[in-house]
């Protein structure tokens, strides 16, 4: 005997509603998890709703004006610069 996907889903939903976790008949046998798996739609929706975590200490990846000035000036103690 063959079952289509819709019929199996209806059977699984009915079993979950009735609190049945294990089903067996002459044609098939299956065990259900306590919670139904999340659908792909719900997974995508959940991933879109989560905001990326931003470190508040991070401001920019560019140098400040003072850092640029210090970086561009040669070290007077460096003897290799002549």
PDB file of N, CA and C in Angstrom:
ATOM      1  N   UNK A   1       0.846  -1.177   0.000  1.00  0.00           N
ATOM      2  CA  UNK A   1       0.000   0.000   0.000  1.00  0.00           C
ATOM      3  C   UNK A   1       0.891   1.240   0.000  1.00  0.00           C
ATOM      4  N   UNK A   2       0.501   2.236  -0.743  1.00  0.00           N
ATOM      5  CA  UNK A   2       1.280   3.455  -0.885  1.00  0.00           C
ATOM      6  C   UNK A   2       0.489   4.648  -0.339  1.00  0.00           C
ATOM      7  N   UNK A   3       1.193   5.511   0.392  1.00  0.00           N
ATOM      8  CA  UNK A   3       0.591   6.733   0.917  1.00  0.00           C
ATOM      9  C   UNK A   3       1.267   7.919   0.267  1.00  0.00           C
ATOM     10  N   UNK A   4       0.498   8.940  -0.049  1.00  0.00           N
ATOM     11  CA  UNK A   4       1.120  10.146  -0.568  1.00  0.00           C
ATOM     12  C   UNK A   4       1.549  11.032   0.601  1.00  0.00           C
ATOM     13  N   UNK A   5       2.343  12.038   0.320  1.00  0.00           N
ATOM     14  CA  UNK A   5       2.903  12.904   1.361  1.00  0.00           C
ATOM     15  C   UNK A   5       1.816  13.635   2.145  1.00  0.00           C
ATOM     16  N   UNK A   6       0.773  14.073   1.479  1.00  0.00           N
ATOM     17  CA  UNK A   6      -0.301  14.798   2.164  1.00  0.00           C
ATOM     18  C   UNK A   6      -1.016  13.903   3.170  1.00  0.00           C
ATOM     19  N   UNK A   7      -1.256  12.662   2.779  1.00  0.00           N
ATOM     20  CA  UNK A   7      -1.937  11.731   3.678  1.00  0.00           C
ATOM     21  C   UNK A   7      -1.069  11.422   4.891  1.00  0.00           C
ATOM     22  N   UNK A   8       0.235  11.254   4.669  1.00  0.00           N
ATOM     23  CA  UNK A   8       1.143  10.992   5.786  1.00  0.00           C
ATOM     24  C   UNK A   8       1.218  12.184   6.738  1.00  0.00           C
ATOM     25  N   UNK A   9       1.215  13.384   6.170  1.00  0.00           N
ATOM     26  CA  UNK A   9       1.259  14.580   7.011  1.00  0.00           C
ATOM     27  C   UNK A   9      -0.014  14.694   7.848  1.00  0.00           C
ATOM     28  N   UNK A  10      -1.164  14.412   7.249  1.00  0.00           N
ATOM     29  CA  UNK A  10      -2.425  14.450   7.991  1.00  0.00           C
ATOM     30  C   UNK A  10      -2.415  13.409   9.107  1.00  0.00           C
ATOM     31  N   UNK A  11      -1.893  12.211   8.825  1.00  0.00           N
ATOM     32  CA  UNK A  11      -1.824  11.166   9.824  1.00  0.00           C
ATOM     33  C   UNK A  11      -0.889  11.571  10.970  1.00  0.00           C
ATOM     34  N   UNK A  12       0.259  12.149  10.636  1.00  0.00           N
ATOM     35  CA  UNK A  12       1.203  12.596  11.662  1.00  0.00           C
ATOM     36  C   UNK A  12       0.599  13.713  12.508  1.00  0.00           C
ATOM     37  N   UNK A  13      -0.081  14.656  11.874  1.00  0.00           N
ATOM     38  CA  UNK A  13      -0.729  15.747  12.614  1.00  0.00           C
ATOM     39  C   UNK A  13      -1.808  15.203  13.555  1.00  0.00           C
ATOM     40  N   UNK A  14      -2.598  14.262  13.076  1.00  0.00           N
ATOM     41  CA  UNK A  14      -3.653  13.670  13.904  1.00  0.00           C
ATOM     42  C   UNK A  14      -3.044  12.909  15.083  1.00  0.00           C
ATOM     43  N   UNK A  15      -1.952  12.202  14.835  1.00  0.00           N
ATOM     44  CA  UNK A  15      -1.279  11.474  15.917  1.00  0.00           C
ATOM     45  C   UNK A  15      -0.731  12.442  16.965  1.00  0.00           C
ATOM     46  N   UNK A  16      -0.111  13.525  16.528  1.00  0.00           N
ATOM     47  CA  UNK A  16       0.431  14.507  17.475  1.00  0.00           C
ATOM     48  C   UNK A  16      -0.686  15.129  18.312  1.00  0.00           C
ATOM     49  N   UNK A  17      -1.801  15.464  17.674  1.00  0.00           N
ATOM     50  CA  UNK A  17      -2.921  16.068  18.398  1.00  0.00           C
ATOM     51  C   UNK A  17      -3.489  15.111  19.445  1.00  0.00           C
ATOM     52  N   UNK A  18      -3.458  13.818  19.126  1.00  0.00           N
ATOM     53  CA  UNK A  18      -3.979  12.820  20.049  1.00  0.00           C
ATOM     54  C   UNK A  18      -2.942  12.378  21.080  1.00  0.00           C
ATOM     55  N   UNK A  19      -1.703  12.850  20.935  1.00  0.00           N
ATOM     56  CA  UNK A  19      -0.653  12.490  21.876  1.00  0.00           C
ATOM     57  C   UNK A  19       0.015  11.166  21.554  1.00  0.00           C
ATOM     58  N   UNK A  20      -0.172  10.672  20.342  1.00  0.00           N
ATOM     59  CA  UNK A  20       0.428   9.404  19.924  1.00  0.00           C
ATOM     60  C   UNK A  20       1.809   9.676  19.359  1.00  0.00           C
ATOM     61  N   UNK A  21       2.829   9.032  19.921  1.00  0.00           N
ATOM     62  CA  UNK A  21       4.197   9.235  19.418  1.00  0.00           C
ATOM     63  C   UNK A  21       4.675   8.055  18.591  1.00  0.00           C
ATOM     64  N   UNK A  22       4.045   6.901  18.729  1.00  0.00           N
ATOM     65  CA  UNK A  22       4.449   5.722  17.955  1.00  0.00           C
ATOM     66  C   UNK A  22       3.202   5.124  17.304  1.00  0.00           C
ATOM     67  N   UNK A  23       3.286   4.902  15.979  1.00  0.00           N
ATOM     68  CA  UNK A  23       2.164   4.376  15.222  1.00  0.00           C
ATOM     69  C   UNK A  23       2.622   3.157  14.440  1.00  0.00           C
ATOM     70  N   UNK A  24       1.791   2.113  14.448  1.00  0.00           N
ATOM     71  CA  UNK A  24       2.122   0.892  13.704  1.00  0.00           C
ATOM     72  C   UNK A  24       0.836   0.276  13.180  1.00  0.00           C
ATOM     73  N   UNK A  25       0.848  -0.099  11.900  1.00  0.00           N
ATOM     74  CA  UNK A  25      -0.245  -0.878  11.326  1.00  0.00           C
ATOM     75  C   UNK A  25       0.365  -1.932  10.401  1.00  0.00           C
ATOM     76  N   UNK A  26      -0.454  -2.642   9.642  1.00  0.00           N
ATOM     77  CA  UNK A  26       0.077  -3.725   8.805  1.00  0.00           C
ATOM     78  C   UNK A  26       0.921  -3.229   7.629  1.00  0.00           C
ATOM     79  N   UNK A  27       0.848  -1.924   7.315  1.00  0.00           N
ATOM     80  CA  UNK A  27       1.580  -1.391   6.162  1.00  0.00           C
ATOM     81  C   UNK A  27       2.813  -0.578   6.528  1.00  0.00           C
ATOM     82  N   UNK A  28       2.815   0.026   7.713  1.00  0.00           N
ATOM     83  CA  UNK A  28       3.944   0.893   8.068  1.00  0.00           C
ATOM     84  C   UNK A  28       4.033   1.054   9.579  1.00  0.00           C
ATOM     85  N   UNK A  29       5.156   1.633  10.006  1.00  0.00           N
ATOM     86  CA  UNK A  29       5.391   1.931  11.408  1.00  0.00           C
ATOM     87  C   UNK A  29       6.252   3.191  11.466  1.00  0.00           C
ATOM     88  N   UNK A  30       5.925   4.109  12.360  1.00  0.00           N
ATOM     89  CA  UNK A  30       6.750   5.304  12.536  1.00  0.00           C
ATOM     90  C   UNK A  30       6.661   5.812  13.956  1.00  0.00           C
ATOM     91  N   UNK A  31       7.686   6.575  14.345  1.00  0.00           N
ATOM     92  CA  UNK A  31       7.752   7.202  15.656  1.00  0.00           C
ATOM     93  C   UNK A  31       7.910   8.700  15.441  1.00  0.00           C
ATOM     94  N   UNK A  32       7.118   9.487  16.137  1.00  0.00           N
ATOM     95  CA  UNK A  32       7.149  10.934  16.003  1.00  0.00           C
ATOM     96  C   UNK A  32       7.954  11.562  17.128  1.00  0.00           C
ATOM     97  N   UNK A  33       8.618  12.647  16.827  1.00  0.00           N
ATOM     98  CA  UNK A  33       9.293  13.418  17.862  1.00  0.00           C
ATOM     99  C   UNK A  33       8.225  14.181  18.648  1.00  0.00           C
ATOM    100  N   UNK A  34       8.532  14.612  19.879  1.00  0.00           N
ATOM    101  CA  UNK A  34       7.523  15.341  20.666  1.00  0.00           C
ATOM    102  C   UNK A  34       7.055  16.627  19.995  1.00  0.00           C
ATOM    103  N   UNK A  35       7.957  17.316  19.333  1.00  0.00           N
ATOM    104  CA  UNK A  35       7.610  18.562  18.636  1.00  0.00           C
ATOM    105  C   UNK A  35       7.786  18.361  17.131  1.00  0.00           C
ATOM    106  N   UNK A  36       6.881  18.897  16.332  1.00  0.00           N
ATOM    107  CA  UNK A  36       7.065  18.775  14.881  1.00  0.00           C
ATOM    108  C   UNK A  36       8.282  19.583  14.437  1.00  0.00           C
ATOM    109  N   UNK A  37       8.985  19.126  13.410  1.00  0.00           N
ATOM    110  CA  UNK A  37      10.134  19.891  12.925  1.00  0.00           C
ATOM    111  C   UNK A  37       9.686  21.227  12.340  1.00  0.00           C
ATOM    112  N   UNK A  38      10.552  22.226  12.454  1.00  0.00           N
ATOM    113  CA  UNK A  38      10.234  23.553  11.926  1.00  0.00           C
ATOM    114  C   UNK A  38      10.240  23.507  10.405  1.00  0.00           C
ATOM    115  N   UNK A  39       9.284  24.167   9.804  1.00  0.00           N
ATOM    116  CA  UNK A  39       9.222  24.211   8.347  1.00  0.00           C
ATOM    117  C   UNK A  39      10.302  25.149   7.811  1.00  0.00           C
ATOM    118  N   UNK A  40      10.644  24.981   6.546  1.00  0.00           N
ATOM    119  CA  UNK A  40      11.644  25.853   5.928  1.00  0.00           C
ATOM    120  C   UNK A  40      11.194  27.312   5.966  1.00  0.00           C
ATOM    121  N   UNK A  41       9.898  27.547   5.816  1.00  0.00           N
ATOM    122  CA  UNK A  41       9.361  28.909   5.869  1.00  0.00           C
ATOM    123  C   UNK A  41       9.635  29.530   7.233  1.00  0.00           C
ATOM    124  N   UNK A  42       9.375  28.787   8.302  1.00  0.00           N
ATOM    125  CA  UNK A  42       9.585  29.308   9.643  1.00  0.00           C
ATOM    126  C   UNK A  42      11.072  29.505   9.927  1.00  0.00           C
ATOM    127  N   UNK A  43      11.928  28.634   9.390  1.00  0.00           N
ATOM    128  CA  UNK A  43      13.375  28.792   9.580  1.00  0.00           C
ATOM    129  C   UNK A  43      13.863  30.075   8.908  1.00  0.00           C
ATOM    130  N   UNK A  44      13.400  30.325   7.676  1.00  0.00           N
ATOM    131  CA  UNK A  44      13.806  31.556   6.969  1.00  0.00           C
ATOM    132  C   UNK A  44      13.293  32.788   7.695  1.00  0.00           C
ATOM    133  N   UNK A  45      12.055  32.735   8.162  1.00  0.00           N
ATOM    134  CA  UNK A  45      11.469  33.875   8.862  1.00  0.00           C
ATOM    135  C   UNK A  45      12.230  34.159  10.152  1.00  0.00           C
ATOM    136  N   UNK A  46      12.587  33.122  10.888  1.00  0.00           N
ATOM    137  CA  UNK A  46      13.328  33.293  12.135  1.00  0.00           C
ATOM    138  C   UNK A  46      14.721  33.859  11.875  1.00  0.00           C
ATOM    139  N   UNK A  47      15.360  33.431  10.798  1.00  0.00           N
ATOM    140  CA  UNK A  47      16.702  33.939  10.513  1.00  0.00           C
ATOM    141  C   UNK A  47      16.662  35.399  10.077  1.00  0.00           C
ATOM    142  N   UNK A  48      15.587  35.828   9.439  1.00  0.00           N
ATOM    143  CA  UNK A  48      15.457  37.233   9.035  1.00  0.00           C
ATOM    144  C   UNK A  48      15.146  38.124  10.226  1.00  0.00           C
ATOM    145  N   UNK A  49      14.436  37.583  11.221  1.00  0.00           N
ATOM    146  CA  UNK A  49      14.046  38.383  12.379  1.00  0.00           C
ATOM    147  C   UNK A  49      15.192  38.630  13.338  1.00  0.00           C
ATOM    148  N   UNK A  50      16.165  37.739  13.360  1.00  0.00           N
ATOM    149  CA  UNK A  50      17.267  37.917  14.294  1.00  0.00           C
ATOM    150  C   UNK A  50      18.201  39.002  13.782  1.00  0.00           C
ATOM    151  N   UNK A  51      18.467  39.952  14.626  1.00  0.00           N
ATOM    152  CA  UNK A  51      19.352  41.051  14.277  1.00  0.00           C
ATOM    153  C   UNK A  51      20.798  40.632  14.522  1.00  0.00           C
ATOM    154  N   UNK A  52      21.717  41.050  13.686  1.00  0.00           N
ATOM    155  CA  UNK A  52      23.114  40.736  13.941  1.00  0.00           C
ATOM    156  C   UNK A  52      23.595  41.467  15.194  1.00  0.00           C
ATOM    157  N   UNK A  53      24.428  40.799  15.946  1.00  0.00           N
ATOM    158  CA  UNK A  53      24.968  41.384  17.172  1.00  0.00           C
ATOM    159  C   UNK A  53      26.108  42.322  16.788  1.00  0.00           C
ATOM    160  N   UNK A  54      26.006  43.561  17.211  1.00  0.00           N
ATOM    161  CA  UNK A  54      27.010  44.563  16.893  1.00  0.00           C
ATOM    162  C   UNK A  54      27.701  44.963  18.187  1.00  0.00           C
ATOM    163  N   UNK A  55      29.017  44.902  18.170  1.00  0.00           N
ATOM    164  CA  UNK A  55      29.780  45.295  19.346  1.00  0.00           C
ATOM    165  C   UNK A  55      29.752  46.819  19.436  1.00  0.00           C
ATOM    166  N   UNK A  56      29.261  47.335  20.547  1.00  0.00           N
ATOM    167  CA  UNK A  56      29.132  48.784  20.688  1.00  0.00           C
ATOM    168  C   UNK A  56      30.496  49.464  20.821  1.00  0.00           C
ATOM    169  N   UNK A  57      31.539  48.711  21.212  1.00  0.00           N
ATOM    170  CA  UNK A  57      32.869  49.307  21.344  1.00  0.00           C
ATOM    171  C   UNK A  57      33.489  49.548  19.965  1.00  0.00           C
ATOM    172  N   UNK A  58      33.063  48.801  18.965  1.00  0.00           N
ATOM    173  CA  UNK A  58      33.599  48.956  17.623  1.00  0.00           C
ATOM    174  C   UNK A  58      32.932  50.145  16.958  1.00  0.00           C
ATOM    175  N   UNK A  59      33.743  51.109  16.528  1.00  0.00           N
ATOM    176  CA  UNK A  59      33.182  52.305  15.906  1.00  0.00           C
ATOM    177  C   UNK A  59      33.481  52.359  14.419  1.00  0.00           C
ATOM    178  N   UNK A  60      34.725  52.108  14.050  1.00  0.00           N
ATOM    179  CA  UNK A  60      35.091  52.223  12.650  1.00  0.00           C
ATOM    180  C   UNK A  60      36.388  51.475  12.408  1.00  0.00           C
ATOM    181  N   UNK A  61      36.617  51.096  11.165  1.00  0.00           N
ATOM    182  CA  UNK A  61      37.877  50.444  10.844  1.00  0.00           C
ATOM    183  C   UNK A  61      38.878  51.434  10.242  1.00  0.00           C
ATOM    184  N   UNK A  62      38.576  52.707  10.328  1.00  0.00           N
ATOM    185  CA  UNK A  62      39.511  53.728   9.838  1.00  0.00           C
ATOM    186  C   UNK A  62      40.237  54.358  11.021  1.00  0.00           C
ATOM    187  N   UNK A  63      41.369  54.947  10.732  1.00  0.00           N
ATOM    188  CA  UNK A  63      42.159  55.601  11.776  1.00  0.00           C
ATOM    189  C   UNK A  63      41.579  56.972  12.095  1.00  0.00           C
ATOM    190  N   UNK A  64      41.754  57.385  13.340  1.00  0.00           N
ATOM    191  CA  UNK A  64      41.319  58.722  13.734  1.00  0.00           C
ATOM    192  C   UNK A  64      42.299  59.735  13.155  1.00  0.00           C
ATOM    193  N   UNK A  65      41.934  60.999  13.221  1.00  0.00           N
ATOM    194  CA  UNK A  65      42.822  62.053  12.717  1.00  0.00           C
ATOM    195  C   UNK A  65      44.160  62.026  13.448  1.00  0.00           C
ATOM    196  N   UNK A  66      44.124  61.867  14.766  1.00  0.00           N
ATOM    197  CA  UNK A  66      45.364  61.836  15.553  1.00  0.00           C
ATOM    198  C   UNK A  66      46.205  60.622  15.189  1.00  0.00           C
ATOM    199  N   UNK A  67      45.592  59.484  15.005  1.00  0.00           N
ATOM    200  CA  UNK A  67      46.333  58.280  14.635  1.00  0.00           C
ATOM    201  C   UNK A  67      46.957  58.427  13.258  1.00  0.00           C
ATOM    202  N   UNK A  68      46.236  59.061  12.325  1.00  0.00           N
ATOM    203  CA  UNK A  68      46.805  59.294  10.998  1.00  0.00           C
ATOM    204  C   UNK A  68      48.036  60.197  11.074  1.00  0.00           C
ATOM    205  N   UNK A  69      47.961  61.245  11.895  1.00  0.00           N
ATOM    206  CA  UNK A  69      49.109  62.146  12.045  1.00  0.00           C
ATOM    207  C   UNK A  69      50.304  61.408  12.636  1.00  0.00           C
ATOM    208  N   UNK A  70      50.088  60.642  13.683  1.00  0.00           N
ATOM    209  CA  UNK A  70      51.183  59.918  14.325  1.00  0.00           C
ATOM    210  C   UNK A  70      51.741  58.834  13.416  1.00  0.00           C
ATOM    211  N   UNK A  71      50.900  58.212  12.635  1.00  0.00           N
ATOM    212  CA  UNK A  71      51.346  57.158  11.741  1.00  0.00           C
ATOM    213  C   UNK A  71      52.197  57.727  10.611  1.00  0.00           C
ATOM    214  N   UNK A  72      51.878  58.930  10.147  1.00  0.00           N
ATOM    215  CA  UNK A  72      52.576  59.508   9.005  1.00  0.00           C
ATOM    216  C   UNK A  72      53.885  60.200   9.387  1.00  0.00           C
ATOM    217  N   UNK A  73      54.114  60.420  10.674  1.00  0.00           N
ATOM    218  CA  UNK A  73      55.324  61.101  11.127  1.00  0.00           C
ATOM    219  C   UNK A  73      56.380  60.048  11.475  1.00  0.00           C
ATOM    220  N   UNK A  74      57.604  60.292  11.028  1.00  0.00           N
ATOM    221  CA  UNK A  74      58.685  59.352  11.322  1.00  0.00           C
ATOM    222  C   UNK A  74      59.078  59.456  12.787  1.00  0.00           C
ATOM    223  N   UNK A  75      59.522  58.326  13.345  1.00  0.00           N
ATOM    224  CA  UNK A  75      59.966  58.284  14.741  1.00  0.00           C
ATOM    225  C   UNK A  75      61.354  58.921  14.813  1.00  0.00           C
ATOM    226  N   UNK A  76      61.548  59.977  15.631  1.00  0.00           N
ATOM    227  CA  UNK A  76      62.850  60.635  15.692  1.00  0.00           C
ATOM    228  C   UNK A  76      63.934  59.731  16.302  1.00  0.00           C
ATOM    229  N   UNK A  77      63.557  58.713  17.031  1.00  0.00           N
ATOM    230  CA  UNK A  77      64.530  57.798  17.623  1.00  0.00           C
ATOM    231  C   UNK A  77      64.932  56.680  16.675  1.00  0.00           C
ATOM    232  N   UNK A  78      64.257  56.570  15.543  1.00  0.00           N
ATOM    233  CA  UNK A  78      64.576  55.523  14.580  1.00  0.00           C
ATOM    234  C   UNK A  78      65.774  55.955  13.742  1.00  0.00           C
ATOM    235  N   UNK A  79      66.888  55.215  13.873  1.00  0.00           N
ATOM    236  CA  UNK A  79      68.131  55.590  13.161  1.00  0.00           C
ATOM    237  C   UNK A  79      68.145  55.116  11.713  1.00  0.00           C
ATOM    238  N   UNK A  80      67.242  54.215  11.335  1.00  0.00           N
ATOM    239  CA  UNK A  80      67.254  53.728   9.962  1.00  0.00           C
ATOM    240  C   UNK A  80      66.718  54.779   8.990  1.00  0.00           C
ATOM    241  N   UNK A  81      65.979  55.777   9.499  1.00  0.00           N
ATOM    242  CA  UNK A  81      65.478  56.854   8.652  1.00  0.00           C
ATOM    243  C   UNK A  81      66.513  57.958   8.658  1.00  0.00           C
ATOM    244  N   UNK A  82      67.074  58.243   7.532  1.00  0.00           N
ATOM    245  CA  UNK A  82      68.085  59.294   7.485  1.00  0.00           C
ATOM    246  C   UNK A  82      67.813  60.264   6.389  1.00  0.00           C
TER     247      UNK A  82
END
